[in-house]
Amino acid sequence: MSEDYIVCNCMEVYRSTIEAAIREKGLKTVEEVGDATDAGTVCGTCQDEIQEILDEINGK
């Protein structure tokens, strides 16, 4: 796992939390990550980074 840091400042969601949710729940979209972790659900600034994490984990 890469260095852990806050991805979503609005909801204080860490990269490790996002990665774990994607792996454990088989998440495929930014919206699914938001539903599972609340990341990206306030201002949306971090949604591009969430998509990058999804792509890394899901091999796109």
PDB file of N, CA and C in Angstrom:
ATOM      1  N   MET A   1       0.848  -1.178   0.000  1.00  0.00           N
ATOM      2  CA  MET A   1       0.000   0.000   0.000  1.00  0.00           C
ATOM      3  C   MET A   1       0.892   1.240   0.000  1.00  0.00           C
ATOM      4  N   SER A   2       0.469   2.246  -0.691  1.00  0.00           N
ATOM      5  CA  SER A   2       1.250   3.471  -0.779  1.00  0.00           C
ATOM      6  C   SER A   2       1.089   4.297   0.493  1.00  0.00           C
ATOM      7  N   GLU A   3       1.794   5.407   0.529  1.00  0.00           N
ATOM      8  CA  GLU A   3       1.733   6.299   1.684  1.00  0.00           C
ATOM      9  C   GLU A   3       0.287   6.710   1.961  1.00  0.00           C
ATOM     10  N   ASP A   4      -0.090   6.698   3.225  1.00  0.00           N
ATOM     11  CA  ASP A   4      -1.456   7.038   3.598  1.00  0.00           C
ATOM     12  C   ASP A   4      -1.557   8.545   3.827  1.00  0.00           C
ATOM     13  N   TYR A   5      -2.588   9.144   3.289  1.00  0.00           N
ATOM     14  CA  TYR A   5      -2.824  10.580   3.425  1.00  0.00           C
ATOM     15  C   TYR A   5      -4.306  10.842   3.203  1.00  0.00           C
ATOM     16  N   ILE A   6      -4.749  12.030   3.592  1.00  0.00           N
ATOM     17  CA  ILE A   6      -6.150  12.400   3.397  1.00  0.00           C
ATOM     18  C   ILE A   6      -6.378  12.712   1.921  1.00  0.00           C
ATOM     19  N   VAL A   7      -7.327  12.014   1.317  1.00  0.00           N
ATOM     20  CA  VAL A   7      -7.722  12.271  -0.068  1.00  0.00           C
ATOM     21  C   VAL A   7      -8.861  13.287  -0.077  1.00  0.00           C
ATOM     22  N   CYS A   8      -9.843  13.059   0.787  1.00  0.00           N
ATOM     23  CA  CYS A   8     -11.023  13.936   0.862  1.00  0.00           C
ATOM     24  C   CYS A   8     -10.908  14.793   2.115  1.00  0.00           C
ATOM     25  N   ASN A   9     -10.557  16.055   1.918  1.00  0.00           N
ATOM     26  CA  ASN A   9     -10.409  16.948   3.062  1.00  0.00           C
ATOM     27  C   ASN A   9     -11.743  17.269   3.727  1.00  0.00           C
ATOM     28  N   CYS A  10     -12.792  17.399   2.944  1.00  0.00           N
ATOM     29  CA  CYS A  10     -14.101  17.765   3.508  1.00  0.00           C
ATOM     30  C   CYS A  10     -14.584  16.734   4.524  1.00  0.00           C
ATOM     31  N   MET A  11     -14.415  15.461   4.201  1.00  0.00           N
ATOM     32  CA  MET A  11     -14.908  14.389   5.064  1.00  0.00           C
ATOM     33  C   MET A  11     -13.786  13.667   5.813  1.00  0.00           C
ATOM     34  N   GLU A  12     -12.547  14.140   5.648  1.00  0.00           N
ATOM     35  CA  GLU A  12     -11.367  13.549   6.297  1.00  0.00           C
ATOM     36  C   GLU A  12     -11.269  12.053   6.041  1.00  0.00           C
ATOM     37  N   VAL A  13     -11.299  11.670   4.773  1.00  0.00           N
ATOM     38  CA  VAL A  13     -11.208  10.262   4.384  1.00  0.00           C
ATOM     39  C   VAL A  13      -9.798  10.000   3.844  1.00  0.00           C
ATOM     40  N   TYR A  14      -9.152   9.004   4.420  1.00  0.00           N
ATOM     41  CA  TYR A  14      -7.787   8.643   4.038  1.00  0.00           C
ATOM     42  C   TYR A  14      -7.768   7.688   2.849  1.00  0.00           C
ATOM     43  N   ARG A  15      -6.635   7.715   2.137  1.00  0.00           N
ATOM     44  CA  ARG A  15      -6.458   6.820   0.995  1.00  0.00           C
ATOM     45  C   ARG A  15      -6.652   5.369   1.407  1.00  0.00           C
ATOM     46  N   SER A  16      -6.135   4.977   2.564  1.00  0.00           N
ATOM     47  CA  SER A  16      -6.255   3.583   3.014  1.00  0.00           C
ATOM     48  C   SER A  16      -7.715   3.168   3.169  1.00  0.00           C
ATOM     49  N   THR A  17      -8.557   4.085   3.621  1.00  0.00           N
ATOM     50  CA  THR A  17      -9.984   3.801   3.785  1.00  0.00           C
ATOM     51  C   THR A  17     -10.633   3.585   2.421  1.00  0.00           C
ATOM     52  N   ILE A  18     -10.277   4.430   1.470  1.00  0.00           N
ATOM     53  CA  ILE A  18     -10.815   4.306   0.113  1.00  0.00           C
ATOM     54  C   ILE A  18     -10.357   3.002  -0.526  1.00  0.00           C
ATOM     55  N   GLU A  19      -9.064   2.700  -0.418  1.00  0.00           N
ATOM     56  CA  GLU A  19      -8.528   1.463  -0.990  1.00  0.00           C
ATOM     57  C   GLU A  19      -9.216   0.240  -0.386  1.00  0.00           C
ATOM     58  N   ALA A  20      -9.373   0.238   0.929  1.00  0.00           N
ATOM     59  CA  ALA A  20      -9.998  -0.909   1.596  1.00  0.00           C
ATOM     60  C   ALA A  20     -11.438  -1.089   1.127  1.00  0.00           C
ATOM     61  N   ALA A  21     -12.184   0.006   1.011  1.00  0.00           N
ATOM     62  CA  ALA A  21     -13.576  -0.079   0.569  1.00  0.00           C
ATOM     63  C   ALA A  21     -13.666  -0.618  -0.856  1.00  0.00           C
ATOM     64  N   ILE A  22     -12.778  -0.151  -1.727  1.00  0.00           N
ATOM     65  CA  ILE A  22     -12.782  -0.618  -3.121  1.00  0.00           C
ATOM     66  C   ILE A  22     -12.526  -2.118  -3.172  1.00  0.00           C
ATOM     67  N   ARG A  23     -11.517  -2.569  -2.424  1.00  0.00           N
ATOM     68  CA  ARG A  23     -11.149  -3.993  -2.455  1.00  0.00           C
ATOM     69  C   ARG A  23     -12.214  -4.869  -1.792  1.00  0.00           C
ATOM     70  N   GLU A  24     -12.701  -4.445  -0.633  1.00  0.00           N
ATOM     71  CA  GLU A  24     -13.636  -5.276   0.129  1.00  0.00           C
ATOM     72  C   GLU A  24     -15.018  -5.349  -0.504  1.00  0.00           C
ATOM     73  N   LYS A  25     -15.441  -4.249  -1.137  1.00  0.00           N
ATOM     74  CA  LYS A  25     -16.808  -4.187  -1.655  1.00  0.00           C
ATOM     75  C   LYS A  25     -16.875  -4.252  -3.172  1.00  0.00           C
ATOM     76  N   GLY A  26     -15.706  -4.338  -3.835  1.00  0.00           N
ATOM     77  CA  GLY A  26     -15.695  -4.434  -5.295  1.00  0.00           C
ATOM     78  C   GLY A  26     -16.221  -3.181  -5.979  1.00  0.00           C
ATOM     79  N   LEU A  27     -15.906  -2.020  -5.420  1.00  0.00           N
ATOM     80  CA  LEU A  27     -16.432  -0.767  -5.958  1.00  0.00           C
ATOM     81  C   LEU A  27     -15.806  -0.451  -7.312  1.00  0.00           C
ATOM     82  N   LYS A  28     -16.608   0.139  -8.201  1.00  0.00           N
ATOM     83  CA  LYS A  28     -16.160   0.424  -9.562  1.00  0.00           C
ATOM     84  C   LYS A  28     -16.273   1.893  -9.953  1.00  0.00           C
ATOM     85  N   THR A  29     -17.055   2.688  -9.207  1.00  0.00           N
ATOM     86  CA  THR A  29     -17.264   4.079  -9.588  1.00  0.00           C
ATOM     87  C   THR A  29     -16.990   5.026  -8.427  1.00  0.00           C
ATOM     88  N   VAL A  30     -16.753   6.285  -8.773  1.00  0.00           N
ATOM     89  CA  VAL A  30     -16.554   7.323  -7.757  1.00  0.00           C
ATOM     90  C   VAL A  30     -17.795   7.436  -6.880  1.00  0.00           C
ATOM     91  N   GLU A  31     -18.961   7.293  -7.484  1.00  0.00           N
ATOM     92  CA  GLU A  31     -20.210   7.382  -6.726  1.00  0.00           C
ATOM     93  C   GLU A  31     -20.310   6.256  -5.691  1.00  0.00           C
ATOM     94  N   GLU A  32     -19.902   5.050  -6.078  1.00  0.00           N
ATOM     95  CA  GLU A  32     -19.925   3.927  -5.130  1.00  0.00           C
ATOM     96  C   GLU A  32     -18.962   4.171  -3.974  1.00  0.00           C
ATOM     97  N   VAL A  33     -17.790   4.730  -4.275  1.00  0.00           N
ATOM     98  CA  VAL A  33     -16.832   5.065  -3.220  1.00  0.00           C
ATOM     99  C   VAL A  33     -17.445   6.099  -2.281  1.00  0.00           C
ATOM    100  N   GLY A  34     -18.135   7.086  -2.840  1.00  0.00           N
ATOM    101  CA  GLY A  34     -18.790   8.102  -2.025  1.00  0.00           C
ATOM    102  C   GLY A  34     -19.853   7.508  -1.112  1.00  0.00           C
ATOM    103  N   ASP A  35     -20.644   6.589  -1.661  1.00  0.00           N
ATOM    104  CA  ASP A  35     -21.683   5.936  -0.857  1.00  0.00           C
ATOM    105  C   ASP A  35     -21.066   5.138   0.298  1.00  0.00           C
ATOM    106  N   ALA A  36     -19.932   4.496   0.025  1.00  0.00           N
ATOM    107  CA  ALA A  36     -19.307   3.622   1.026  1.00  0.00           C
ATOM    108  C   ALA A  36     -18.486   4.387   2.061  1.00  0.00           C
ATOM    109  N   THR A  37     -17.876   5.523   1.657  1.00  0.00           N
ATOM    110  CA  THR A  37     -16.924   6.205   2.540  1.00  0.00           C
ATOM    111  C   THR A  37     -17.234   7.677   2.793  1.00  0.00           C
ATOM    112  N   ASP A  38     -18.156   8.249   2.041  1.00  0.00           N
ATOM    113  CA  ASP A  38     -18.484   9.681   2.050  1.00  0.00           C
ATOM    114  C   ASP A  38     -17.437  10.532   1.322  1.00  0.00           C
ATOM    115  N   ALA A  39     -16.362   9.936   0.848  1.00  0.00           N
ATOM    116  CA  ALA A  39     -15.341  10.693   0.108  1.00  0.00           C
ATOM    117  C   ALA A  39     -15.923  11.218  -1.206  1.00  0.00           C
ATOM    118  N   GLY A  40     -15.622  12.480  -1.489  1.00  0.00           N
ATOM    119  CA  GLY A  40     -16.055  13.077  -2.749  1.00  0.00           C
ATOM    120  C   GLY A  40     -17.499  13.525  -2.779  1.00  0.00           C
ATOM    121  N   THR A  41     -18.160  13.536  -1.628  1.00  0.00           N
ATOM    122  CA  THR A  41     -19.594  13.835  -1.617  1.00  0.00           C
ATOM    123  C   THR A  41     -19.920  15.275  -1.232  1.00  0.00           C
ATOM    124  N   VAL A  42     -18.911  16.079  -0.894  1.00  0.00           N
ATOM    125  CA  VAL A  42     -19.195  17.459  -0.498  1.00  0.00           C
ATOM    126  C   VAL A  42     -18.828  18.403  -1.635  1.00  0.00           C
ATOM    127  N   CYS A  43     -17.558  18.736  -1.778  1.00  0.00           N
ATOM    128  CA  CYS A  43     -17.185  19.713  -2.815  1.00  0.00           C
ATOM    129  C   CYS A  43     -16.806  19.059  -4.136  1.00  0.00           C
ATOM    130  N   GLY A  44     -16.394  17.790  -4.103  1.00  0.00           N
ATOM    131  CA  GLY A  44     -16.065  17.063  -5.324  1.00  0.00           C
ATOM    132  C   GLY A  44     -14.654  17.242  -5.836  1.00  0.00           C
ATOM    133  N   THR A  45     -13.850  18.043  -5.179  1.00  0.00           N
ATOM    134  CA  THR A  45     -12.488  18.303  -5.641  1.00  0.00           C
ATOM    135  C   THR A  45     -11.649  17.031  -5.734  1.00  0.00           C
ATOM    136  N   CYS A  46     -11.894  16.076  -4.864  1.00  0.00           N
ATOM    137  CA  CYS A  46     -11.074  14.867  -4.811  1.00  0.00           C
ATOM    138  C   CYS A  46     -11.568  13.757  -5.748  1.00  0.00           C
ATOM    139  N   GLN A  47     -12.637  13.985  -6.485  1.00  0.00           N
ATOM    140  CA  GLN A  47     -13.202  12.917  -7.303  1.00  0.00           C
ATOM    141  C   GLN A  47     -12.240  12.409  -8.373  1.00  0.00           C
ATOM    142  N   ASP A  48     -11.417  13.280  -8.948  1.00  0.00           N
ATOM    143  CA  ASP A  48     -10.431  12.821  -9.939  1.00  0.00           C
ATOM    144  C   ASP A  48      -9.420  11.880  -9.292  1.00  0.00           C
ATOM    145  N   GLU A  49      -8.987  12.217  -8.083  1.00  0.00           N
ATOM    146  CA  GLU A  49      -8.035  11.349  -7.384  1.00  0.00           C
ATOM    147  C   GLU A  49      -8.678  10.024  -6.997  1.00  0.00           C
ATOM    148  N   ILE A  50      -9.938  10.057  -6.597  1.00  0.00           N
ATOM    149  CA  ILE A  50     -10.650   8.815  -6.294  1.00  0.00           C
ATOM    150  C   ILE A  50     -10.702   7.945  -7.543  1.00  0.00           C
ATOM    151  N   GLN A  51     -10.952   8.544  -8.695  1.00  0.00           N
ATOM    152  CA  GLN A  51     -10.980   7.789  -9.953  1.00  0.00           C
ATOM    153  C   GLN A  51      -9.619   7.175 -10.244  1.00  0.00           C
ATOM    154  N   GLU A  52      -8.548   7.905  -9.985  1.00  0.00           N
ATOM    155  CA  GLU A  52      -7.192   7.368 -10.187  1.00  0.00           C
ATOM    156  C   GLU A  52      -6.955   6.159  -9.291  1.00  0.00           C
ATOM    157  N   ILE A  53      -7.401   6.222  -8.041  1.00  0.00           N
ATOM    158  CA  ILE A  53      -7.248   5.089  -7.124  1.00  0.00           C
ATOM    159  C   ILE A  53      -8.051   3.904  -7.620  1.00  0.00           C
ATOM    160  N   LEU A  54      -9.284   4.158  -8.073  1.00  0.00           N
ATOM    161  CA  LEU A  54     -10.104   3.093  -8.651  1.00  0.00           C
ATOM    162  C   LEU A  54      -9.387   2.429  -9.831  1.00  0.00           C
ATOM    163  N   ASP A  55      -8.837   3.240 -10.713  1.00  0.00           N
ATOM    164  CA  ASP A  55      -8.139   2.718 -11.889  1.00  0.00           C
ATOM    165  C   ASP A  55      -6.928   1.882 -11.500  1.00  0.00           C
ATOM    166  N   GLU A  56      -6.171   2.352 -10.501  1.00  0.00           N
ATOM    167  CA  GLU A  56      -4.994   1.606 -10.025  1.00  0.00           C
ATOM    168  C   GLU A  56      -5.405   0.241  -9.503  1.00  0.00           C
ATOM    169  N   ILE A  57      -6.423   0.208  -8.662  1.00  0.00           N
ATOM    170  CA  ILE A  57      -6.832  -1.039  -8.014  1.00  0.00           C
ATOM    171  C   ILE A  57      -7.529  -1.965  -8.984  1.00  0.00           C
ATOM    172  N   ASN A  58      -8.364  -1.412  -9.846  1.00  0.00           N
ATOM    173  CA  ASN A  58      -9.135  -2.237 -10.770  1.00  0.00           C
ATOM    174  C   ASN A  58      -8.425  -2.492 -12.096  1.00  0.00           C
ATOM    175  N   GLY A  59      -7.178  -2.031 -12.205  1.00  0.00           N
ATOM    176  CA  GLY A  59      -6.338  -2.356 -13.349  1.00  0.00           C
ATOM    177  C   GLY A  59      -6.729  -1.710 -14.657  1.00  0.00           C
ATOM    178  N   LYS A  60      -7.150  -0.449 -14.606  1.00  0.00           N
ATOM    179  CA  LYS A  60      -7.512   0.234 -15.853  1.00  0.00           C
ATOM    180  C   LYS A  60      -6.408   1.123 -16.318  1.00  0.00           C
TER     181      LYS A  60
END
